[in-house]
Amino acid sequence: MTSSSASHQSLLLTLTGRDHPGIASRLTGLLADAGAVLLDIEQVVVQGQLTLCLLVRVPEGRDVLQELRSAVQALGVSLESRAVGDSGAQAAASPSRHVVTVVGRSLGARELHAVTECLARHEANIERIHRLSDVEPGSFELHLALPASKEPGELQRSLLELAMATSAFDVALQRESLYRRAKRLVVMDMDSTLIRIEVIDELARAHGVGEQVSRITERAMHGEMDYDESLRQRVALLKGLDARVLHELAARLPLTEGAETLIRVLKRLGYRTAIISGGFSVAAEALKARLGIDYAHSNLLEEADGKLTGRTLGAIVNARRKAELLEDIARAEGILLDQVIAVGDGANDLLMLERAGLGIAFRAKPKLRQAADTSISAGGLDTILYFLGLTARELREVGE
């Protein structure tokens, strides 16, 4: 035993009771006067009830606990203490730190039990639970330590499977790092992501070729058909359509739930935003102007004599091109890929999601959900704001 450990002992102090000003001030003042060393501190207040934990090293030969008990009695709170042994062996294990974000319409004991049971199966130790939503528990953050021997990918897959099975909430697992709350660029697909429709399907219905185009679209989105070829076949079926139909549709695109809130908050927080779509530029540019989005990249339909020719101009924005455009925008903005969020719903979004620091499958096909970092199925696009760690109070402040 070293001389340091012989002359000092570590104590874990836990105070509970009705919260009011002055508790922490009085307690830390006594500890400072006693020559105690503060090793750790954590406090939470739930509905006015305080739990304050302090890990301290106190010198022997002085009854610090007796002094503290007298003080806390006057403060109207209770004190528990226990000696704590050397934590060096535990620190040597170096668990990885992660944050699980759960977002739902209303999260009760059943939903939270399902998540925490999943964490327990993977031996993840919950260190802190923090509510992000306001009055009703609609969003939680769970900060946890995962043993070094456990693979985060396995836990992530289990959580996503749980969310998809229940359909009651969305869940994200992210490594607790500098970049988790320091994202700076959000890149989104357009059709069935930022908007509720597939523009090409709407154009096809207006031209009387809806069923043929929908069949090709579905095969392409499930990864069953080469995207470039599928686009050429679908666009060819639009030959002769009055271009006014396209422009009128672009002027009244139905936004996905939460889209306006997401973009408004991101803009006010200084994020850069982009549309990278395999859809059409008339629609993408209309959304760019309507929502104040910074970038829009998509396919350009050729027009002649006021009608669509059935061809596109320039390079097709396919899966590989989407990933390249994401990297180009990040590079131009001086943003690291770890600081990028990518959101999409189809197989042609996979490479784009893989390049981003956080890839989100939004109401997506199974192939993309299985490959993405996380998935949103229960909520709207504004769910992403909770994945960034923002609270309902902060969102109100930004929205004012």
Protein backbone atom coordinates (compact mmCIF):
# COMPACT_ATOMS: atom_id res chain seq x y z
CA MET A 1 0.00 0.00 0.00
CA THR A 2 1.36 3.40 -0.97
CA SER A 3 1.61 6.31 1.44
CA SER A 4 -1.02 8.15 -0.60
CA SER A 5 -3.59 5.38 -0.26
CA ALA A 6 -2.75 4.94 3.42
CA SER A 7 -3.49 8.57 4.29
CA HIS A 8 -6.58 9.02 2.11
CA GLN A 9 -9.77 7.12 1.39
CA SER A 10 -12.24 7.49 -1.46
CA LEU A 11 -15.91 7.91 -0.67
CA LEU A 12 -18.97 7.94 -2.88
CA LEU A 13 -21.44 10.44 -1.43
CA THR A 14 -25.08 10.36 -2.53
CA LEU A 15 -27.48 13.14 -1.55
CA THR A 16 -31.21 12.88 -2.19
CA GLY A 17 -34.13 15.12 -1.33
CA ARG A 18 -36.10 18.16 -2.37
CA ASP A 19 -33.99 20.40 -4.58
CA HIS A 20 -33.37 24.04 -3.70
CA PRO A 21 -30.55 26.57 -4.17
CA GLY A 22 -27.45 26.29 -2.03
CA ILE A 23 -27.08 22.53 -1.63
CA ALA A 24 -24.07 22.07 -3.92
CA SER A 25 -22.49 25.29 -2.64
CA ARG A 26 -22.70 24.24 1.00
CA LEU A 27 -21.47 20.72 0.36
CA THR A 28 -18.51 21.61 -1.86
CA GLY A 29 -17.51 24.34 0.57
CA LEU A 30 -17.25 21.84 3.41
CA LEU A 31 -15.29 19.42 1.26
CA ALA A 32 -12.86 22.17 0.22
CA ASP A 33 -12.33 23.25 3.85
CA ALA A 34 -11.66 19.63 4.80
CA GLY A 35 -8.98 19.27 2.11
CA ALA A 36 -10.98 16.70 0.15
CA VAL A 37 -10.18 16.03 -3.51
CA LEU A 38 -13.18 15.93 -5.87
CA LEU A 39 -12.80 13.00 -8.28
CA ASP A 40 -16.22 12.94 -9.95
CA ILE A 41 -19.65 14.59 -9.69
CA GLU A 42 -23.05 14.04 -11.27
CA GLN A 43 -26.42 15.62 -10.51
CA VAL A 44 -29.94 15.10 -11.78
CA VAL A 45 -33.24 16.69 -10.80
CA VAL A 46 -36.50 14.95 -11.69
CA GLN A 47 -39.74 16.77 -10.82
CA GLY A 48 -37.92 18.76 -8.15
CA GLN A 49 -36.28 15.73 -6.54
CA LEU A 50 -32.48 15.93 -6.36
CA THR A 51 -29.92 13.17 -6.66
CA LEU A 52 -26.36 14.44 -6.31
CA CYS A 53 -23.42 12.03 -6.37
CA LEU A 54 -19.82 12.98 -5.58
CA LEU A 55 -16.73 10.81 -5.54
CA VAL A 56 -14.17 12.35 -3.20
CA ARG A 57 -10.86 11.48 -1.61
CA VAL A 58 -10.75 12.67 1.99
CA PRO A 59 -7.78 12.84 4.38
CA GLU A 60 -7.78 10.45 7.31
CA GLY A 61 -7.84 11.79 10.81
CA ARG A 62 -10.78 14.11 10.20
CA ASP A 63 -14.40 13.07 10.53
CA VAL A 64 -15.58 14.69 7.32
CA LEU A 65 -18.69 12.51 7.21
CA GLN A 66 -19.93 13.80 10.54
CA GLU A 67 -19.49 17.39 9.37
CA LEU A 68 -21.35 16.59 6.16
CA ARG A 69 -24.23 14.87 7.95
CA SER A 70 -24.76 17.90 10.16
CA ALA A 71 -24.77 20.16 7.12
CA VAL A 72 -27.15 18.11 4.98
CA GLN A 73 -29.57 17.72 7.86
CA ALA A 74 -29.83 21.50 8.01
CA LEU A 75 -30.35 21.54 4.24
CA GLY A 76 -33.25 19.08 4.47
CA VAL A 77 -31.67 16.32 2.36
CA SER A 78 -30.33 12.86 3.19
CA LEU A 79 -26.80 11.55 2.75
CA GLU A 80 -25.51 8.07 2.06
CA SER A 81 -21.82 7.17 1.77
CA ARG A 82 -19.72 4.15 0.98
CA ALA A 83 -16.04 3.50 0.57
CA VAL A 84 -14.89 2.96 -3.01
CA GLY A 85 -11.92 0.78 -3.91
CA ASP A 86 -9.28 1.34 -6.56
CA SER A 87 -10.92 1.67 -9.99
CA GLY A 88 -7.73 1.21 -11.95
CA ALA A 89 -8.58 -2.33 -13.03
CA GLN A 90 -11.94 -1.19 -14.34
CA ALA A 91 -10.37 1.70 -16.26
CA ALA A 92 -7.86 -0.67 -17.86
CA ALA A 93 -10.73 -2.48 -19.58
CA SER A 94 -11.32 0.67 -21.70
CA PRO A 95 -15.00 0.27 -22.59
CA SER A 96 -16.21 2.18 -25.62
CA ARG A 97 -18.64 5.02 -24.98
CA HIS A 98 -21.86 5.29 -26.96
CA VAL A 99 -25.15 7.15 -26.96
CA VAL A 100 -28.47 5.51 -27.78
CA THR A 101 -31.21 7.94 -28.84
CA VAL A 102 -34.79 6.69 -28.72
CA VAL A 103 -37.52 8.81 -30.34
CA GLY A 104 -41.23 7.96 -30.39
CA ARG A 105 -44.67 9.52 -30.16
CA SER A 106 -44.90 8.46 -26.54
CA LEU A 107 -42.36 6.25 -24.80
CA GLY A 108 -43.59 4.36 -21.77
CA ALA A 109 -42.20 1.67 -19.49
CA ARG A 110 -42.79 -1.05 -22.08
CA GLU A 111 -40.76 0.71 -24.80
CA LEU A 112 -37.95 1.68 -22.46
CA HIS A 113 -37.85 -1.86 -21.10
CA ALA A 114 -37.47 -3.26 -24.61
CA VAL A 115 -34.49 -0.99 -25.28
CA THR A 116 -32.79 -1.52 -21.93
CA GLU A 117 -33.31 -5.28 -22.15
CA CYS A 118 -31.57 -5.24 -25.53
CA LEU A 119 -28.68 -3.27 -24.02
CA ALA A 120 -28.41 -5.73 -21.13
CA ARG A 121 -28.17 -8.68 -23.53
CA HIS A 122 -25.14 -7.03 -25.09
CA GLU A 123 -23.64 -6.25 -21.64
CA ALA A 124 -23.91 -2.50 -22.23
CA ASN A 125 -23.88 -0.62 -18.94
CA ILE A 126 -26.17 2.42 -18.81
CA GLU A 127 -24.41 5.30 -17.08
CA ARG A 128 -26.94 8.08 -17.64
CA ILE A 129 -30.46 8.51 -19.02
CA HIS A 130 -31.44 11.96 -20.19
CA ARG A 131 -34.86 13.04 -21.46
CA LEU A 132 -34.72 15.23 -24.60
CA SER A 133 -38.44 15.83 -24.97
CA ASP A 134 -40.51 18.15 -22.83
CA VAL A 135 -43.52 17.07 -20.79
CA GLU A 136 -44.20 13.60 -22.18
CA PRO A 137 -41.28 11.18 -22.53
CA GLY A 138 -41.05 11.15 -26.31
CA SER A 139 -37.27 11.08 -26.62
CA PHE A 140 -34.43 9.78 -24.46
CA GLU A 141 -30.66 9.64 -24.62
CA LEU A 142 -29.00 6.71 -22.90
CA HIS A 143 -25.27 7.11 -22.35
CA LEU A 144 -23.59 3.75 -22.01
CA ALA A 145 -20.31 1.91 -21.76
CA LEU A 146 -19.85 -1.13 -23.98
CA PRO A 147 -17.18 -3.70 -23.02
CA ALA A 148 -14.15 -3.71 -25.28
CA SER A 149 -14.92 -7.34 -26.11
CA LYS A 150 -18.32 -6.43 -27.56
CA GLU A 151 -18.82 -5.33 -31.15
CA PRO A 152 -20.87 -2.09 -31.46
CA GLY A 153 -22.18 -3.25 -34.84
CA GLU A 154 -23.94 -6.20 -33.24
CA LEU A 155 -25.68 -3.95 -30.73
CA GLN A 156 -26.63 -1.54 -33.50
CA ARG A 157 -28.23 -4.30 -35.56
CA SER A 158 -30.17 -5.57 -32.54
CA LEU A 159 -31.50 -2.09 -31.75
CA LEU A 160 -32.57 -1.49 -35.36
CA GLU A 161 -34.30 -4.88 -35.51
CA LEU A 162 -36.12 -4.02 -32.28
CA ALA A 163 -37.28 -0.66 -33.63
CA MET A 164 -38.49 -2.20 -36.88
CA ALA A 165 -40.31 -4.99 -35.04
CA THR A 166 -42.19 -2.65 -32.72
CA SER A 167 -42.76 0.28 -35.14
CA ALA A 168 -43.33 2.39 -32.01
CA PHE A 169 -40.07 4.29 -31.98
CA ASP A 170 -36.86 5.03 -33.86
CA VAL A 171 -33.45 4.39 -32.35
CA ALA A 172 -29.88 5.40 -33.14
CA LEU A 173 -26.60 4.17 -31.70
CA GLN A 174 -23.70 6.61 -32.06
CA ARG A 175 -20.20 6.58 -30.67
CA GLU A 176 -19.77 9.32 -28.11
CA SER A 177 -17.17 11.49 -29.80
CA LEU A 178 -16.33 15.06 -30.65
CA TYR A 179 -18.26 14.82 -33.92
CA ARG A 180 -21.57 13.47 -32.60
CA ARG A 181 -22.88 16.94 -31.78
CA ALA A 182 -20.65 18.70 -34.30
CA LYS A 183 -22.28 17.73 -37.58
CA ARG A 184 -22.22 20.54 -40.16
CA LEU A 185 -23.74 19.19 -43.38
CA VAL A 186 -26.99 17.28 -44.02
CA VAL A 187 -27.45 15.72 -47.46
CA MET A 188 -30.85 14.34 -48.47
CA ASP A 189 -32.41 12.34 -51.23
CA MET A 190 -35.54 13.99 -52.63
CA ASP A 191 -38.22 11.53 -53.80
CA SER A 192 -39.88 9.64 -50.92
CA THR A 193 -37.45 11.32 -48.53
CA LEU A 194 -37.67 15.10 -48.57
CA ILE A 195 -41.02 14.85 -50.39
CA ARG A 196 -43.75 12.24 -50.01
CA ILE A 197 -43.96 11.26 -53.68
CA GLU A 198 -41.85 9.90 -56.53
CA VAL A 199 -41.95 12.68 -59.13
CA ILE A 200 -41.39 10.32 -62.03
CA ASP A 201 -44.36 8.20 -60.96
CA GLU A 202 -46.60 11.28 -60.86
CA LEU A 203 -45.46 12.33 -64.33
CA ALA A 204 -46.03 8.83 -65.60
CA ARG A 205 -49.59 8.75 -64.29
CA ALA A 206 -50.28 12.08 -65.99
CA HIS A 207 -48.96 10.58 -69.24
CA GLY A 208 -50.88 7.32 -68.93
CA VAL A 209 -47.83 5.09 -68.34
CA GLY A 210 -48.03 4.92 -64.56
CA GLU A 211 -48.04 1.15 -64.11
CA GLN A 212 -45.09 0.55 -66.41
CA VAL A 213 -42.94 3.20 -64.73
CA SER A 214 -43.90 2.15 -61.17
CA ARG A 215 -42.80 -1.42 -61.85
CA ILE A 216 -39.39 -0.24 -63.06
CA THR A 217 -39.04 2.21 -60.14
CA GLU A 218 -39.80 -0.48 -57.57
CA ARG A 219 -37.24 -2.86 -59.04
CA ALA A 220 -34.59 -0.14 -59.08
CA MET A 221 -35.25 0.99 -55.48
CA HIS A 222 -34.91 -2.61 -54.27
CA GLY A 223 -31.58 -2.94 -56.07
CA GLU A 224 -32.94 -5.51 -58.51
CA MET A 225 -32.09 -3.48 -61.62
CA ASP A 226 -29.24 -1.25 -62.78
CA TYR A 227 -30.25 2.27 -61.88
CA ASP A 228 -28.95 3.97 -65.04
CA GLU A 229 -30.84 1.58 -67.28
CA SER A 230 -33.98 1.88 -65.17
CA LEU A 231 -33.87 5.68 -65.43
CA ARG A 232 -33.39 5.59 -69.20
CA GLN A 233 -36.34 3.23 -69.59
CA ARG A 234 -38.63 5.28 -67.37
CA VAL A 235 -37.72 8.63 -68.90
CA ALA A 236 -38.24 7.20 -72.40
CA LEU A 237 -41.81 6.41 -71.45
CA LEU A 238 -42.38 10.13 -70.71
CA LYS A 239 -41.65 11.20 -74.28
CA GLY A 240 -44.23 13.69 -75.51
CA LEU A 241 -45.48 14.77 -72.07
CA ASP A 242 -46.27 18.49 -71.89
CA ALA A 243 -43.46 20.12 -69.89
CA ARG A 244 -46.01 22.27 -68.07
CA VAL A 245 -47.08 19.17 -66.13
CA LEU A 246 -43.55 18.87 -64.74
CA HIS A 247 -43.30 22.55 -63.79
CA GLU A 248 -46.75 22.63 -62.20
CA LEU A 249 -45.95 19.53 -60.16
CA ALA A 250 -42.64 21.06 -58.99
CA ALA A 251 -44.51 24.11 -57.70
CA ARG A 252 -46.70 22.05 -55.34
CA LEU A 253 -44.52 19.20 -54.11
CA PRO A 254 -45.85 17.66 -50.85
CA LEU A 255 -43.15 17.83 -48.18
CA THR A 256 -42.49 14.92 -45.87
CA GLU A 257 -43.57 15.29 -42.24
CA GLY A 258 -40.95 17.23 -40.30
CA ALA A 259 -39.08 18.45 -43.40
CA GLU A 260 -39.75 22.16 -42.90
CA THR A 261 -38.85 21.99 -39.20
CA LEU A 262 -35.64 20.12 -39.95
CA ILE A 263 -34.43 22.55 -42.60
CA ARG A 264 -35.45 25.65 -40.63
CA VAL A 265 -33.58 24.52 -37.51
CA LEU A 266 -30.52 23.38 -39.45
CA LYS A 267 -30.29 26.73 -41.23
CA ARG A 268 -30.57 28.71 -37.99
CA LEU A 269 -27.84 26.58 -36.43
CA GLY A 270 -25.52 27.24 -39.36
CA TYR A 271 -25.66 23.82 -41.02
CA ARG A 272 -25.22 23.47 -44.76
CA THR A 273 -27.89 21.44 -46.55
CA ALA A 274 -28.04 19.68 -49.90
CA ILE A 275 -30.38 17.69 -52.12
CA ILE A 276 -28.63 14.90 -54.01
CA SER A 277 -31.28 13.09 -56.00
CA GLY A 278 -31.77 10.67 -58.83
CA GLY A 279 -34.93 12.66 -59.56
CA PHE A 280 -35.29 15.71 -61.74
CA SER A 281 -33.73 19.16 -61.52
CA VAL A 282 -36.96 21.15 -62.00
CA ALA A 283 -38.30 19.66 -58.76
CA ALA A 284 -34.99 19.80 -56.89
CA GLU A 285 -34.41 23.45 -57.79
CA ALA A 286 -37.97 24.33 -56.75
CA LEU A 287 -37.36 22.77 -53.33
CA LYS A 288 -33.99 24.47 -53.05
CA ALA A 289 -35.63 27.88 -53.52
CA ARG A 290 -38.67 27.07 -51.38
CA LEU A 291 -36.74 25.79 -48.34
CA GLY A 292 -33.50 27.75 -48.68
CA ILE A 293 -31.36 24.66 -49.26
CA ASP A 294 -27.75 25.38 -50.21
CA TYR A 295 -27.11 22.77 -52.92
CA ALA A 296 -29.26 20.75 -55.33
CA HIS A 297 -27.94 18.07 -57.69
CA SER A 298 -30.23 15.88 -59.82
CA ASN A 299 -30.97 14.75 -63.36
CA LEU A 300 -31.89 17.22 -66.09
CA LEU A 301 -34.81 16.28 -68.34
CA GLU A 302 -34.49 17.42 -71.95
CA GLU A 303 -37.32 19.58 -73.28
CA ALA A 304 -38.07 20.56 -76.86
CA ASP A 305 -41.04 22.53 -78.21
CA GLY A 306 -42.64 22.51 -74.77
CA LYS A 307 -42.56 18.74 -74.41
CA LEU A 308 -40.30 16.14 -72.82
CA THR A 309 -38.11 14.34 -75.32
CA GLY A 310 -37.74 11.15 -73.28
CA ARG A 311 -34.03 11.79 -72.65
CA THR A 312 -31.84 13.29 -69.92
CA LEU A 313 -28.93 15.65 -70.39
CA GLY A 314 -25.52 15.20 -68.78
CA ALA A 315 -24.26 12.49 -66.44
CA ILE A 316 -26.89 10.45 -64.60
CA VAL A 317 -26.96 11.01 -60.83
CA ASN A 318 -26.72 7.36 -59.80
CA ALA A 319 -25.48 5.75 -56.58
CA ARG A 320 -21.79 6.35 -57.31
CA ARG A 321 -22.40 9.92 -58.43
CA LYS A 322 -24.39 10.65 -55.28
CA ALA A 323 -21.45 9.59 -53.11
CA GLU A 324 -19.06 11.67 -55.21
CA LEU A 325 -21.28 14.75 -54.94
CA LEU A 326 -21.48 14.35 -51.16
CA GLU A 327 -17.68 14.32 -50.98
CA ASP A 328 -17.42 17.29 -53.36
CA ILE A 329 -19.76 19.41 -51.25
CA ALA A 330 -18.02 18.48 -48.01
CA ARG A 331 -14.63 19.30 -49.53
CA ALA A 332 -15.84 22.64 -50.89
CA GLU A 333 -17.27 23.57 -47.47
CA GLY A 334 -14.21 22.36 -45.55
CA ILE A 335 -16.30 19.79 -43.68
CA LEU A 336 -15.02 16.38 -42.58
CA LEU A 337 -17.05 13.35 -43.69
CA ASP A 338 -17.53 12.48 -40.00
CA GLN A 339 -19.50 15.73 -39.76
CA VAL A 340 -21.90 14.78 -42.57
CA ILE A 341 -25.36 13.24 -42.25
CA ALA A 342 -26.85 11.54 -45.32
CA VAL A 343 -30.52 10.57 -45.58
CA GLY A 344 -32.14 8.38 -48.21
CA ASP A 345 -34.70 5.66 -48.85
CA GLY A 346 -33.50 3.52 -51.78
CA ALA A 347 -30.69 1.22 -52.86
CA ASN A 348 -29.13 4.02 -54.92
CA ASP A 349 -28.56 5.97 -51.67
CA LEU A 350 -26.41 3.25 -50.09
CA LEU A 351 -22.98 4.53 -51.14
CA MET A 352 -23.92 8.07 -50.12
CA LEU A 353 -24.97 6.88 -46.67
CA GLU A 354 -21.79 4.85 -46.28
CA ARG A 355 -19.59 7.89 -46.97
CA ALA A 356 -21.31 10.03 -44.33
CA GLY A 357 -20.47 10.08 -40.64
CA LEU A 358 -24.11 9.18 -39.96
CA GLY A 359 -26.16 7.42 -42.64
CA ILE A 360 -29.92 7.38 -42.03
CA ALA A 361 -32.37 5.14 -43.90
CA PHE A 362 -35.66 7.04 -43.97
CA ARG A 363 -38.78 4.86 -44.31
CA ALA A 364 -36.53 2.80 -46.48
CA LYS A 365 -36.45 -0.47 -48.32
CA PRO A 366 -35.09 -3.46 -46.31
CA LYS A 367 -31.72 -3.55 -48.10
CA LEU A 368 -30.92 0.02 -47.12
CA ARG A 369 -32.21 -0.30 -43.54
CA GLN A 370 -29.89 -3.24 -42.96
CA ALA A 371 -26.85 -1.35 -44.25
CA ALA A 372 -27.46 2.12 -42.76
CA ASP A 373 -26.15 3.40 -39.43
CA THR A 374 -29.71 3.95 -38.28
CA SER A 375 -33.25 4.01 -39.58
CA ILE A 376 -36.29 6.27 -39.20
CA SER A 377 -39.65 4.60 -39.70
CA ALA A 378 -41.93 5.81 -36.92
CA GLY A 379 -41.24 9.57 -37.00
CA GLY A 380 -40.70 12.37 -39.46
CA LEU A 381 -37.52 13.98 -40.74
CA ASP A 382 -37.31 16.20 -37.65
CA THR A 383 -36.38 13.04 -35.72
CA ILE A 384 -32.87 13.74 -37.01
CA LEU A 385 -32.67 16.77 -34.71
CA TYR A 386 -32.92 14.50 -31.66
CA PHE A 387 -30.18 12.28 -33.10
CA LEU A 388 -28.02 15.42 -33.01
CA GLY A 389 -28.61 15.60 -29.25
CA LEU A 390 -30.90 18.62 -29.34
CA THR A 391 -33.61 18.90 -26.70
CA ALA A 392 -37.19 20.09 -27.15
CA ARG A 393 -36.33 23.24 -25.19
CA GLU A 394 -33.42 23.99 -27.50
CA LEU A 395 -35.60 23.40 -30.54
CA ARG A 396 -38.13 25.90 -29.24
CA GLU A 397 -35.37 28.46 -28.73
CA VAL A 398 -34.18 27.99 -32.30
CA GLY A 399 -37.73 28.18 -33.63
CA GLU A 400 -38.49 31.49 -31.93
